[in-house]
Amino acid sequence: MLEAQKQRIHQISRLKAKGMSDQEARQLVQQGLPPFRPAFVDGKRVTERIVLDPAKT
């Protein structure tokens, strides 16, 4: 498990211990995270930005 994952789990645990619900704690911890970007698409490594909707470019 990566250190970043461990830190997130500990942060969520601390927030839950202070009385937050699981969902609230997860949302609060995930607010500062960048959006997920896959490393592979269709079995090929992504080297450039992925454009999901060509009309938005």
C-alpha atoms as a PDB file:
ATOM      1  CA  MET A   1       0.000   0.000   0.000  1.00  0.00           C
ATOM      2  CA  LEU A   2       1.329   3.414  -0.882  1.00  0.00           C
ATOM      3  CA  GLU A   3       2.111   5.948   1.819  1.00  0.00           C
ATOM      4  CA  ALA A   4      -0.452   8.348   0.343  1.00  0.00           C
ATOM      5  CA  GLN A   5      -3.147   5.681   0.674  1.00  0.00           C
ATOM      6  CA  LYS A   6      -2.147   5.013   4.285  1.00  0.00           C
ATOM      7  CA  GLN A   7      -2.299   8.723   5.095  1.00  0.00           C
ATOM      8  CA  ARG A   8      -5.776   9.023   3.568  1.00  0.00           C
ATOM      9  CA  ILE A   9      -7.001   6.039   5.588  1.00  0.00           C
ATOM     10  CA  HIS A  10      -5.625   7.546   8.806  1.00  0.00           C
ATOM     11  CA  GLN A  11      -7.188  10.940   8.026  1.00  0.00           C
ATOM     12  CA  ILE A  12     -10.563   9.304   7.398  1.00  0.00           C
ATOM     13  CA  SER A  13     -10.256   7.322  10.641  1.00  0.00           C
ATOM     14  CA  ARG A  14      -9.481  10.481  12.643  1.00  0.00           C
ATOM     15  CA  LEU A  15     -12.424  12.352  11.120  1.00  0.00           C
ATOM     16  CA  LYS A  16     -14.766   9.435  11.828  1.00  0.00           C
ATOM     17  CA  ALA A  17     -13.526   9.349  15.432  1.00  0.00           C
ATOM     18  CA  LYS A  18     -14.477  13.037  15.719  1.00  0.00           C
ATOM     19  CA  GLY A  19     -18.058  12.198  14.746  1.00  0.00           C
ATOM     20  CA  MET A  20     -18.200  12.527  10.958  1.00  0.00           C
ATOM     21  CA  SER A  21     -19.945   9.913   8.871  1.00  0.00           C
ATOM     22  CA  ASP A  22     -17.848   7.717   6.595  1.00  0.00           C
ATOM     23  CA  GLN A  23     -19.158   9.471   3.483  1.00  0.00           C
ATOM     24  CA  GLU A  24     -18.489  12.979   4.865  1.00  0.00           C
ATOM     25  CA  ALA A  25     -14.954  12.033   5.904  1.00  0.00           C
ATOM     26  CA  ARG A  26     -14.149  10.520   2.501  1.00  0.00           C
ATOM     27  CA  GLN A  27     -15.504  13.571   0.659  1.00  0.00           C
ATOM     28  CA  LEU A  28     -13.491  15.942   2.827  1.00  0.00           C
ATOM     29  CA  VAL A  29     -10.252  13.987   2.342  1.00  0.00           C
ATOM     30  CA  GLN A  30     -10.792  13.611  -1.430  1.00  0.00           C
ATOM     31  CA  GLN A  31     -11.484  17.318  -2.048  1.00  0.00           C
ATOM     32  CA  GLY A  32      -7.814  18.194  -2.393  1.00  0.00           C
ATOM     33  CA  LEU A  33      -6.909  15.250  -4.627  1.00  0.00           C
ATOM     34  CA  PRO A  34      -6.374  15.623  -8.367  1.00  0.00           C
ATOM     35  CA  PRO A  35      -8.848  13.754 -10.620  1.00  0.00           C
ATOM     36  CA  PHE A  36      -7.972  10.167 -11.497  1.00  0.00           C
ATOM     37  CA  ARG A  37      -6.110   9.713 -14.766  1.00  0.00           C
ATOM     38  CA  PRO A  38      -5.562   6.162 -16.033  1.00  0.00           C
ATOM     39  CA  ALA A  39      -2.038   5.157 -17.013  1.00  0.00           C
ATOM     40  CA  PHE A  40      -3.245   2.696 -19.670  1.00  0.00           C
ATOM     41  CA  VAL A  41      -6.133   2.907 -22.144  1.00  0.00           C
ATOM     42  CA  ASP A  42      -6.956  -0.054 -24.413  1.00  0.00           C
ATOM     43  CA  GLY A  43      -3.732  -1.746 -23.335  1.00  0.00           C
ATOM     44  CA  LYS A  44      -1.542   1.184 -24.398  1.00  0.00           C
ATOM     45  CA  ARG A  45       0.321   3.518 -22.078  1.00  0.00           C
ATOM     46  CA  VAL A  46      -1.090   7.031 -22.041  1.00  0.00           C
ATOM     47  CA  THR A  47       1.588   9.571 -22.904  1.00  0.00           C
ATOM     48  CA  GLU A  48      -0.648  12.517 -23.694  1.00  0.00           C
ATOM     49  CA  ARG A  49      -3.747  14.067 -22.220  1.00  0.00           C
ATOM     50  CA  ILE A  50      -6.866  11.974 -22.790  1.00  0.00           C
ATOM     51  CA  VAL A  51      -9.727  13.771 -24.510  1.00  0.00           C
ATOM     52  CA  LEU A  52     -12.943  11.950 -23.662  1.00  0.00           C
ATOM     53  CA  ASP A  53     -15.196  14.302 -25.617  1.00  0.00           C
ATOM     54  CA  PRO A  54     -13.579  15.685 -28.792  1.00  0.00           C
ATOM     55  CA  ALA A  55     -16.245  18.411 -29.001  1.00  0.00           C
ATOM     56  CA  LYS A  56     -14.819  20.034 -25.839  1.00  0.00           C
ATOM     57  CA  THR A  57     -11.350  20.647 -27.308  1.00  0.00           C
END
